[in-house]
């Protein structure tokens, strides 16, 4: 409903997935993840930030298994905005 810390879109539980459908085929070179810094968190921690995540490329939305583009770890002690290069 707004952009304040704690009112973000969250996954239910400790795992989830997101599918983004684009209008045309792309060849990504990197992915960026941003989370609020600890200093702006109402609780002073960011344990809800993503940790281990994988990115897959799909040819279409009906494809069951995609091509692994990389496996990454978001550093909760690092910068709020982190970039991850495509590994494959």
PDB file of N, CA and C in Angstrom:
ATOM      1  N   UNK A   1       0.794  -1.221   0.000  1.00  0.00           N
ATOM      2  CA  UNK A   1       0.000   0.000   0.000  1.00  0.00           C
ATOM      3  C   UNK A   1       0.835   1.284   0.000  1.00  0.00           C
ATOM      4  N   UNK A   2       2.083   1.191   0.438  1.00  0.00           N
ATOM      5  CA  UNK A   2       2.953   2.363   0.457  1.00  0.00           C
ATOM      6  C   UNK A   2       4.402   1.897   0.384  1.00  0.00           C
ATOM      7  N   UNK A   3       5.341   2.810   0.490  1.00  0.00           N
ATOM      8  CA  UNK A   3       6.760   2.482   0.348  1.00  0.00           C
ATOM      9  C   UNK A   3       7.506   2.462   1.679  1.00  0.00           C
ATOM     10  N   UNK A   4       6.775   2.378   2.792  1.00  0.00           N
ATOM     11  CA  UNK A   4       7.425   2.381   4.098  1.00  0.00           C
ATOM     12  C   UNK A   4       7.987   1.002   4.442  1.00  0.00           C
ATOM     13  N   UNK A   5       9.112   0.968   5.186  1.00  0.00           N
ATOM     14  CA  UNK A   5       9.693  -0.320   5.582  1.00  0.00           C
ATOM     15  C   UNK A   5       8.665  -1.207   6.279  1.00  0.00           C
ATOM     16  N   UNK A   6       8.656  -2.470   5.898  1.00  0.00           N
ATOM     17  CA  UNK A   6       7.732  -3.426   6.480  1.00  0.00           C
ATOM     18  C   UNK A   6       6.468  -3.619   5.666  1.00  0.00           C
ATOM     19  N   UNK A   7       6.214  -2.746   4.704  1.00  0.00           N
ATOM     20  CA  UNK A   7       5.021  -2.853   3.863  1.00  0.00           C
ATOM     21  C   UNK A   7       5.390  -3.271   2.441  1.00  0.00           C
ATOM     22  N   UNK A   8       6.283  -4.204   2.336  1.00  0.00           N
ATOM     23  CA  UNK A   8       6.732  -4.649   1.017  1.00  0.00           C
ATOM     24  C   UNK A   8       6.015  -5.944   0.624  1.00  0.00           C
ATOM     25  N   UNK A   9       6.240  -6.346  -0.599  1.00  0.00           N
ATOM     26  CA  UNK A   9       5.697  -7.617  -1.055  1.00  0.00           C
ATOM     27  C   UNK A   9       6.594  -8.721  -0.505  1.00  0.00           C
ATOM     28  N   UNK A  10       6.018  -9.640   0.230  1.00  0.00           N
ATOM     29  CA  UNK A  10       6.821 -10.692   0.871  1.00  0.00           C
ATOM     30  C   UNK A  10       6.314 -12.071   0.476  1.00  0.00           C
ATOM     31  N   UNK A  11       7.210 -13.023   0.502  1.00  0.00           N
ATOM     32  CA  UNK A  11       6.842 -14.421   0.280  1.00  0.00           C
ATOM     33  C   UNK A  11       6.309 -14.996   1.579  1.00  0.00           C
ATOM     34  N   UNK A  12       5.352 -15.893   1.475  1.00  0.00           N
ATOM     35  CA  UNK A  12       4.844 -16.592   2.646  1.00  0.00           C
ATOM     36  C   UNK A  12       5.816 -17.727   2.964  1.00  0.00           C
ATOM     37  N   UNK A  13       6.309 -17.795   4.175  1.00  0.00           N
ATOM     38  CA  UNK A  13       7.257 -18.837   4.561  1.00  0.00           C
ATOM     39  C   UNK A  13       8.681 -18.437   4.223  1.00  0.00           C
ATOM     40  N   UNK A  14       9.564 -19.416   4.179  1.00  0.00           N
ATOM     41  CA  UNK A  14      10.983 -19.126   3.974  1.00  0.00           C
ATOM     42  C   UNK A  14      11.437 -19.322   2.530  1.00  0.00           C
ATOM     43  N   UNK A  15      10.542 -19.777   1.648  1.00  0.00           N
ATOM     44  CA  UNK A  15      10.904 -19.971   0.245  1.00  0.00           C
ATOM     45  C   UNK A  15       9.794 -19.452  -0.659  1.00  0.00           C
ATOM     46  N   UNK A  16      10.165 -19.089  -1.855  1.00  0.00           N
ATOM     47  CA  UNK A  16       9.173 -18.628  -2.821  1.00  0.00           C
ATOM     48  C   UNK A  16       9.794 -18.508  -4.189  1.00  0.00           C
ATOM     49  N   UNK A  17       8.981 -18.108  -5.137  1.00  0.00           N
ATOM     50  CA  UNK A  17       9.508 -17.880  -6.484  1.00  0.00           C
ATOM     51  C   UNK A  17       8.731 -16.763  -7.150  1.00  0.00           C
ATOM     52  N   UNK A  18       9.348 -16.194  -8.138  1.00  0.00           N
ATOM     53  CA  UNK A  18       8.779 -15.089  -8.892  1.00  0.00           C
ATOM     54  C   UNK A  18       9.058 -15.339 -10.360  1.00  0.00           C
ATOM     55  N   UNK A  19       8.054 -15.141 -11.196  1.00  0.00           N
ATOM     56  CA  UNK A  19       8.229 -15.258 -12.642  1.00  0.00           C
ATOM     57  C   UNK A  19       7.935 -13.894 -13.250  1.00  0.00           C
ATOM     58  N   UNK A  20       8.852 -13.411 -14.069  1.00  0.00           N
ATOM     59  CA  UNK A  20       8.683 -12.137 -14.759  1.00  0.00           C
ATOM     60  C   UNK A  20       8.606 -12.431 -16.246  1.00  0.00           C
ATOM     61  N   UNK A  21       7.503 -12.034 -16.853  1.00  0.00           N
ATOM     62  CA  UNK A  21       7.328 -12.245 -18.291  1.00  0.00           C
ATOM     63  C   UNK A  21       7.653 -10.946 -19.025  1.00  0.00           C
ATOM     64  N   UNK A  22       8.584 -11.037 -19.966  1.00  0.00           N
ATOM     65  CA  UNK A  22       8.990  -9.867 -20.738  1.00  0.00           C
ATOM     66  C   UNK A  22       8.359  -9.912 -22.122  1.00  0.00           C
ATOM     67  N   UNK A  23       8.294  -8.784 -22.772  1.00  0.00           N
ATOM     68  CA  UNK A  23       7.651  -8.706 -24.087  1.00  0.00           C
ATOM     69  C   UNK A  23       8.529  -9.242 -25.207  1.00  0.00           C
ATOM     70  N   UNK A  24       9.813  -9.393 -24.939  1.00  0.00           N
ATOM     71  CA  UNK A  24      10.718  -9.937 -25.948  1.00  0.00           C
ATOM     72  C   UNK A  24      11.880 -10.657 -25.268  1.00  0.00           C
ATOM     73  N   UNK A  25      12.563 -11.496 -26.028  1.00  0.00           N
ATOM     74  CA  UNK A  25      13.696 -12.253 -25.489  1.00  0.00           C
ATOM     75  C   UNK A  25      14.862 -11.304 -25.215  1.00  0.00           C
ATOM     76  N   UNK A  26      15.490 -11.485 -24.054  1.00  0.00           N
ATOM     77  CA  UNK A  26      16.664 -10.694 -23.694  1.00  0.00           C
ATOM     78  C   UNK A  26      17.794 -11.633 -23.282  1.00  0.00           C
ATOM     79  N   UNK A  27      18.974 -11.101 -23.223  1.00  0.00           N
ATOM     80  CA  UNK A  27      20.139 -11.828 -22.737  1.00  0.00           C
ATOM     81  C   UNK A  27      20.736 -11.007 -21.591  1.00  0.00           C
ATOM     82  N   UNK A  28      20.285 -11.266 -20.357  1.00  0.00           N
ATOM     83  CA  UNK A  28      20.735 -10.450 -19.225  1.00  0.00           C
ATOM     84  C   UNK A  28      22.218 -10.639 -18.944  1.00  0.00           C
ATOM     85  N   UNK A  29      22.827  -9.602 -18.409  1.00  0.00           N
ATOM     86  CA  UNK A  29      24.238  -9.675 -18.010  1.00  0.00           C
ATOM     87  C   UNK A  29      24.384  -9.629 -16.491  1.00  0.00           C
ATOM     88  N   UNK A  30      23.337  -9.155 -15.803  1.00  0.00           N
ATOM     89  CA  UNK A  30      23.399  -9.065 -14.338  1.00  0.00           C
ATOM     90  C   UNK A  30      21.982  -8.917 -13.785  1.00  0.00           C
ATOM     91  N   UNK A  31      21.860  -9.167 -12.481  1.00  0.00           N
ATOM     92  CA  UNK A  31      20.608  -9.011 -11.751  1.00  0.00           C
ATOM     93  C   UNK A  31      20.896  -8.138 -10.539  1.00  0.00           C
ATOM     94  N   UNK A  32      19.943  -7.333 -10.154  1.00  0.00           N
ATOM     95  CA  UNK A  32      20.120  -6.446  -9.006  1.00  0.00           C
ATOM     96  C   UNK A  32      19.024  -6.717  -7.981  1.00  0.00           C
ATOM     97  N   UNK A  33      19.425  -6.774  -6.711  1.00  0.00           N
ATOM     98  CA  UNK A  33      18.492  -6.952  -5.608  1.00  0.00           C
ATOM     99  C   UNK A  33      18.712  -5.795  -4.641  1.00  0.00           C
ATOM    100  N   UNK A  34      17.604  -5.201  -4.194  1.00  0.00           N
ATOM    101  CA  UNK A  34      17.697  -4.110  -3.221  1.00  0.00           C
ATOM    102  C   UNK A  34      16.792  -4.403  -2.032  1.00  0.00           C
ATOM    103  N   UNK A  35      17.299  -4.132  -0.846  1.00  0.00           N
ATOM    104  CA  UNK A  35      16.542  -4.284   0.391  1.00  0.00           C
ATOM    105  C   UNK A  35      16.866  -3.087   1.264  1.00  0.00           C
ATOM    106  N   UNK A  36      15.959  -2.705   2.141  1.00  0.00           N
ATOM    107  CA  UNK A  36      16.252  -1.550   2.991  1.00  0.00           C
ATOM    108  C   UNK A  36      17.479  -1.836   3.870  1.00  0.00           C
ATOM    109  N   UNK A  37      18.246  -0.811   4.211  1.00  0.00           N
ATOM    110  CA  UNK A  37      19.379  -1.013   5.122  1.00  0.00           C
ATOM    111  C   UNK A  37      18.893  -1.215   6.554  1.00  0.00           C
ATOM    112  N   UNK A  38      19.742  -1.792   7.370  1.00  0.00           N
ATOM    113  CA  UNK A  38      19.395  -2.023   8.779  1.00  0.00           C
ATOM    114  C   UNK A  38      19.006  -0.729   9.491  1.00  0.00           C
ATOM    115  N   UNK A  39      19.645   0.370   9.109  1.00  0.00           N
ATOM    116  CA  UNK A  39      19.383   1.655   9.782  1.00  0.00           C
ATOM    117  C   UNK A  39      17.959   2.157   9.546  1.00  0.00           C
ATOM    118  N   UNK A  40      17.297   1.730   8.478  1.00  0.00           N
ATOM    119  CA  UNK A  40      15.924   2.150   8.198  1.00  0.00           C
ATOM    120  C   UNK A  40      14.889   1.118   8.626  1.00  0.00           C
ATOM    121  N   UNK A  41      15.342  -0.041   9.073  1.00  0.00           N
ATOM    122  CA  UNK A  41      14.431  -1.102   9.486  1.00  0.00           C
ATOM    123  C   UNK A  41      13.791  -0.754  10.833  1.00  0.00           C
ATOM    124  N   UNK A  42      12.473  -0.895  10.951  1.00  0.00           N
ATOM    125  CA  UNK A  42      11.817  -0.602  12.234  1.00  0.00           C
ATOM    126  C   UNK A  42      12.352  -1.441  13.393  1.00  0.00           C
ATOM    127  N   UNK A  43      12.838  -2.650  13.096  1.00  0.00           N
ATOM    128  CA  UNK A  43      13.349  -3.531  14.150  1.00  0.00           C
ATOM    129  C   UNK A  43      14.867  -3.478  14.288  1.00  0.00           C
ATOM    130  N   UNK A  44      15.538  -2.787  13.364  1.00  0.00           N
ATOM    131  CA  UNK A  44      17.000  -2.715  13.415  1.00  0.00           C
ATOM    132  C   UNK A  44      17.691  -3.901  12.782  1.00  0.00           C
ATOM    133  N   UNK A  45      16.916  -4.818  12.194  1.00  0.00           N
ATOM    134  CA  UNK A  45      17.534  -5.944  11.496  1.00  0.00           C
ATOM    135  C   UNK A  45      16.842  -6.131  10.145  1.00  0.00           C
ATOM    136  N   UNK A  46      17.473  -6.906   9.291  1.00  0.00           N
ATOM    137  CA  UNK A  46      16.893  -7.182   7.971  1.00  0.00           C
ATOM    138  C   UNK A  46      16.883  -8.684   7.706  1.00  0.00           C
ATOM    139  N   UNK A  47      16.417  -9.424   8.691  1.00  0.00           N
ATOM    140  CA  UNK A  47      16.376 -10.882   8.542  1.00  0.00           C
ATOM    141  C   UNK A  47      15.403 -11.326   7.454  1.00  0.00           C
ATOM    142  N   UNK A  48      14.510 -10.430   7.029  1.00  0.00           N
ATOM    143  CA  UNK A  48      13.585 -10.783   5.947  1.00  0.00           C
ATOM    144  C   UNK A  48      14.215 -10.616   4.564  1.00  0.00           C
ATOM    145  N   UNK A  49      15.419 -10.059   4.497  1.00  0.00           N
ATOM    146  CA  UNK A  49      16.092  -9.884   3.207  1.00  0.00           C
ATOM    147  C   UNK A  49      16.382 -11.246   2.580  1.00  0.00           C
ATOM    148  N   UNK A  50      16.372 -11.323   1.256  1.00  0.00           N
ATOM    149  CA  UNK A  50      16.695 -12.606   0.609  1.00  0.00           C
ATOM    150  C   UNK A  50      18.129 -13.002   0.935  1.00  0.00           C
ATOM    151  N   UNK A  51      18.362 -14.287   1.010  1.00  0.00           N
ATOM    152  CA  UNK A  51      19.721 -14.761   1.251  1.00  0.00           C
ATOM    153  C   UNK A  51      20.192 -15.526   0.016  1.00  0.00           C
ATOM    154  N   UNK A  52      19.984 -16.798   0.005  1.00  0.00           N
ATOM    155  CA  UNK A  52      20.375 -17.619  -1.149  1.00  0.00           C
ATOM    156  C   UNK A  52      19.272 -17.576  -2.195  1.00  0.00           C
ATOM    157  N   UNK A  53      19.633 -17.271  -3.432  1.00  0.00           N
ATOM    158  CA  UNK A  53      18.635 -17.282  -4.488  1.00  0.00           C
ATOM    159  C   UNK A  53      19.258 -17.697  -5.806  1.00  0.00           C
ATOM    160  N   UNK A  54      18.445 -18.252  -6.663  1.00  0.00           N
ATOM    161  CA  UNK A  54      18.857 -18.701  -7.991  1.00  0.00           C
ATOM    162  C   UNK A  54      18.009 -17.995  -9.029  1.00  0.00           C
ATOM    163  N   UNK A  55      18.595 -17.785 -10.200  1.00  0.00           N
ATOM    164  CA  UNK A  55      17.878 -17.162 -11.308  1.00  0.00           C
ATOM    165  C   UNK A  55      17.923 -18.116 -12.495  1.00  0.00           C
ATOM    166  N   UNK A  56      16.744 -18.364 -13.075  1.00  0.00           N
ATOM    167  CA  UNK A  56      16.619 -19.238 -14.233  1.00  0.00           C
ATOM    168  C   UNK A  56      16.040 -18.453 -15.398  1.00  0.00           C
ATOM    169  N   UNK A  57      16.445 -18.797 -16.590  1.00  0.00           N
ATOM    170  CA  UNK A  57      15.883 -18.214 -17.794  1.00  0.00           C
ATOM    171  C   UNK A  57      14.939 -19.210 -18.447  1.00  0.00           C
ATOM    172  N   UNK A  58      13.778 -18.732 -18.878  1.00  0.00           N
ATOM    173  CA  UNK A  58      12.786 -19.577 -19.538  1.00  0.00           C
ATOM    174  C   UNK A  58      12.524 -19.043 -20.945  1.00  0.00           C
ATOM    175  N   UNK A  59      12.241 -19.941 -21.872  1.00  0.00           N
ATOM    176  CA  UNK A  59      11.865 -19.521 -23.221  1.00  0.00           C
ATOM    177  C   UNK A  59      10.414 -19.072 -23.274  1.00  0.00           C
ATOM    178  N   UNK A  60       9.558 -19.657 -22.419  1.00  0.00           N
ATOM    179  CA  UNK A  60       8.164 -19.241 -22.330  1.00  0.00           C
ATOM    180  C   UNK A  60       7.642 -19.600 -20.942  1.00  0.00           C
ATOM    181  N   UNK A  61       6.483 -19.081 -20.599  1.00  0.00           N
ATOM    182  CA  UNK A  61       5.934 -19.257 -19.249  1.00  0.00           C
ATOM    183  C   UNK A  61       5.475 -20.679 -18.954  1.00  0.00           C
ATOM    184  N   UNK A  62       5.364 -21.501 -19.971  1.00  0.00           N
ATOM    185  CA  UNK A  62       4.909 -22.880 -19.777  1.00  0.00           C
ATOM    186  C   UNK A  62       6.059 -23.869 -19.622  1.00  0.00           C
ATOM    187  N   UNK A  63       7.272 -23.409 -19.812  1.00  0.00           N
ATOM    188  CA  UNK A  63       8.449 -24.261 -19.662  1.00  0.00           C
ATOM    189  C   UNK A  63       8.604 -24.631 -18.188  1.00  0.00           C
ATOM    190  N   UNK A  64       8.766 -25.925 -17.906  1.00  0.00           N
ATOM    191  CA  UNK A  64       8.844 -26.372 -16.509  1.00  0.00           C
ATOM    192  C   UNK A  64      10.235 -26.213 -15.907  1.00  0.00           C
ATOM    193  N   UNK A  65      11.267 -26.393 -16.708  1.00  0.00           N
ATOM    194  CA  UNK A  65      12.631 -26.241 -16.209  1.00  0.00           C
ATOM    195  C   UNK A  65      13.364 -25.230 -17.066  1.00  0.00           C
ATOM    196  N   UNK A  66      13.928 -24.238 -16.430  1.00  0.00           N
ATOM    197  CA  UNK A  66      14.670 -23.222 -17.156  1.00  0.00           C
ATOM    198  C   UNK A  66      16.155 -23.483 -17.121  1.00  0.00           C
ATOM    199  N   UNK A  67      16.893 -22.589 -17.741  1.00  0.00           N
ATOM    200  CA  UNK A  67      18.357 -22.664 -17.742  1.00  0.00           C
ATOM    201  C   UNK A  67      18.872 -21.858 -16.551  1.00  0.00           C
ATOM    202  N   UNK A  68      19.684 -22.484 -15.721  1.00  0.00           N
ATOM    203  CA  UNK A  68      20.239 -21.807 -14.551  1.00  0.00           C
ATOM    204  C   UNK A  68      21.199 -20.714 -15.009  1.00  0.00           C
ATOM    205  N   UNK A  69      20.917 -19.476 -14.623  1.00  0.00           N
ATOM    206  CA  UNK A  69      21.775 -18.348 -14.977  1.00  0.00           C
ATOM    207  C   UNK A  69      22.727 -17.990 -13.842  1.00  0.00           C
ATOM    208  N   UNK A  70      22.444 -18.472 -12.644  1.00  0.00           N
ATOM    209  CA  UNK A  70      23.347 -18.226 -11.535  1.00  0.00           C
ATOM    210  C   UNK A  70      22.701 -18.493 -10.187  1.00  0.00           C
ATOM    211  N   UNK A  71      23.544 -18.766  -9.206  1.00  0.00           N
ATOM    212  CA  UNK A  71      23.116 -18.923  -7.816  1.00  0.00           C
ATOM    213  C   UNK A  71      23.886 -17.883  -7.010  1.00  0.00           C
ATOM    214  N   UNK A  72      23.170 -17.176  -6.148  1.00  0.00           N
ATOM    215  CA  UNK A  72      23.750 -16.016  -5.495  1.00  0.00           C
ATOM    216  C   UNK A  72      23.417 -15.969  -4.007  1.00  0.00           C
ATOM    217  N   UNK A  73      24.150 -15.117  -3.290  1.00  0.00           N
ATOM    218  CA  UNK A  73      23.904 -14.881  -1.864  1.00  0.00           C
ATOM    219  C   UNK A  73      23.871 -13.378  -1.649  1.00  0.00           C
ATOM    220  N   UNK A  74      22.746 -12.880  -1.140  1.00  0.00           N
ATOM    221  CA  UNK A  74      22.620 -11.467  -0.789  1.00  0.00           C
ATOM    222  C   UNK A  74      23.332 -11.265   0.541  1.00  0.00           C
ATOM    223  N   UNK A  75      24.268 -10.325   0.587  1.00  0.00           N
ATOM    224  CA  UNK A  75      25.046 -10.041   1.793  1.00  0.00           C
ATOM    225  C   UNK A  75      24.285  -9.036   2.653  1.00  0.00           C
ATOM    226  N   UNK A  76      23.666  -9.515   3.742  1.00  0.00           N
ATOM    227  CA  UNK A  76      22.865  -8.640   4.600  1.00  0.00           C
ATOM    228  C   UNK A  76      23.708  -7.579   5.307  1.00  0.00           C
ATOM    229  N   UNK A  77      25.006  -7.786   5.360  1.00  0.00           N
ATOM    230  CA  UNK A  77      25.900  -6.791   5.959  1.00  0.00           C
ATOM    231  C   UNK A  77      26.475  -5.844   4.921  1.00  0.00           C
ATOM    232  N   UNK A  78      26.129  -6.051   3.658  1.00  0.00           N
ATOM    233  CA  UNK A  78      26.666  -5.228   2.575  1.00  0.00           C
ATOM    234  C   UNK A  78      25.760  -4.055   2.236  1.00  0.00           C
ATOM    235  N   UNK A  79      25.983  -3.512   1.065  1.00  0.00           N
ATOM    236  CA  UNK A  79      25.172  -2.390   0.582  1.00  0.00           C
ATOM    237  C   UNK A  79      23.732  -2.841   0.346  1.00  0.00           C
ATOM    238  N   UNK A  80      22.756  -1.938   0.506  1.00  0.00           N
ATOM    239  CA  UNK A  80      21.354  -2.309   0.275  1.00  0.00           C
ATOM    240  C   UNK A  80      21.083  -2.741  -1.168  1.00  0.00           C
ATOM    241  N   UNK A  81      21.770  -2.121  -2.139  1.00  0.00           N
ATOM    242  CA  UNK A  81      21.612  -2.435  -3.553  1.00  0.00           C
ATOM    243  C   UNK A  81      22.820  -3.252  -3.998  1.00  0.00           C
ATOM    244  N   UNK A  82      22.575  -4.508  -4.394  1.00  0.00           N
ATOM    245  CA  UNK A  82      23.672  -5.397  -4.774  1.00  0.00           C
ATOM    246  C   UNK A  82      23.427  -5.948  -6.164  1.00  0.00           C
ATOM    247  N   UNK A  83      24.492  -6.006  -6.976  1.00  0.00           N
ATOM    248  CA  UNK A  83      24.403  -6.508  -8.332  1.00  0.00           C
ATOM    249  C   UNK A  83      25.133  -7.847  -8.439  1.00  0.00           C
ATOM    250  N   UNK A  84      24.520  -8.761  -9.192  1.00  0.00           N
ATOM    251  CA  UNK A  84      25.042 -10.112  -9.354  1.00  0.00           C
ATOM    252  C   UNK A  84      25.171 -10.412 -10.843  1.00  0.00           C
ATOM    253  N   UNK A  85      26.378 -10.679 -11.330  1.00  0.00           N
ATOM    254  CA  UNK A  85      26.544 -10.961 -12.761  1.00  0.00           C
ATOM    255  C   UNK A  85      26.002 -12.336 -13.121  1.00  0.00           C
ATOM    256  N   UNK A  86      25.548 -12.485 -14.357  1.00  0.00           N
ATOM    257  CA  UNK A  86      25.120 -13.784 -14.852  1.00  0.00           C
ATOM    258  C   UNK A  86      26.340 -14.703 -14.847  1.00  0.00           C
ATOM    259  N   UNK A  87      26.186 -15.901 -14.297  1.00  0.00           N
ATOM    260  CA  UNK A  87      27.311 -16.830 -14.176  1.00  0.00           C
ATOM    261  C   UNK A  87      27.440 -17.752 -15.371  1.00  0.00           C
ATOM    262  N   UNK A  88      26.345 -17.979 -16.077  1.00  0.00           N
ATOM    263  CA  UNK A  88      26.364 -18.922 -17.210  1.00  0.00           C
ATOM    264  C   UNK A  88      26.100 -18.147 -18.474  1.00  0.00           C
TER     265      UNK A  88
END
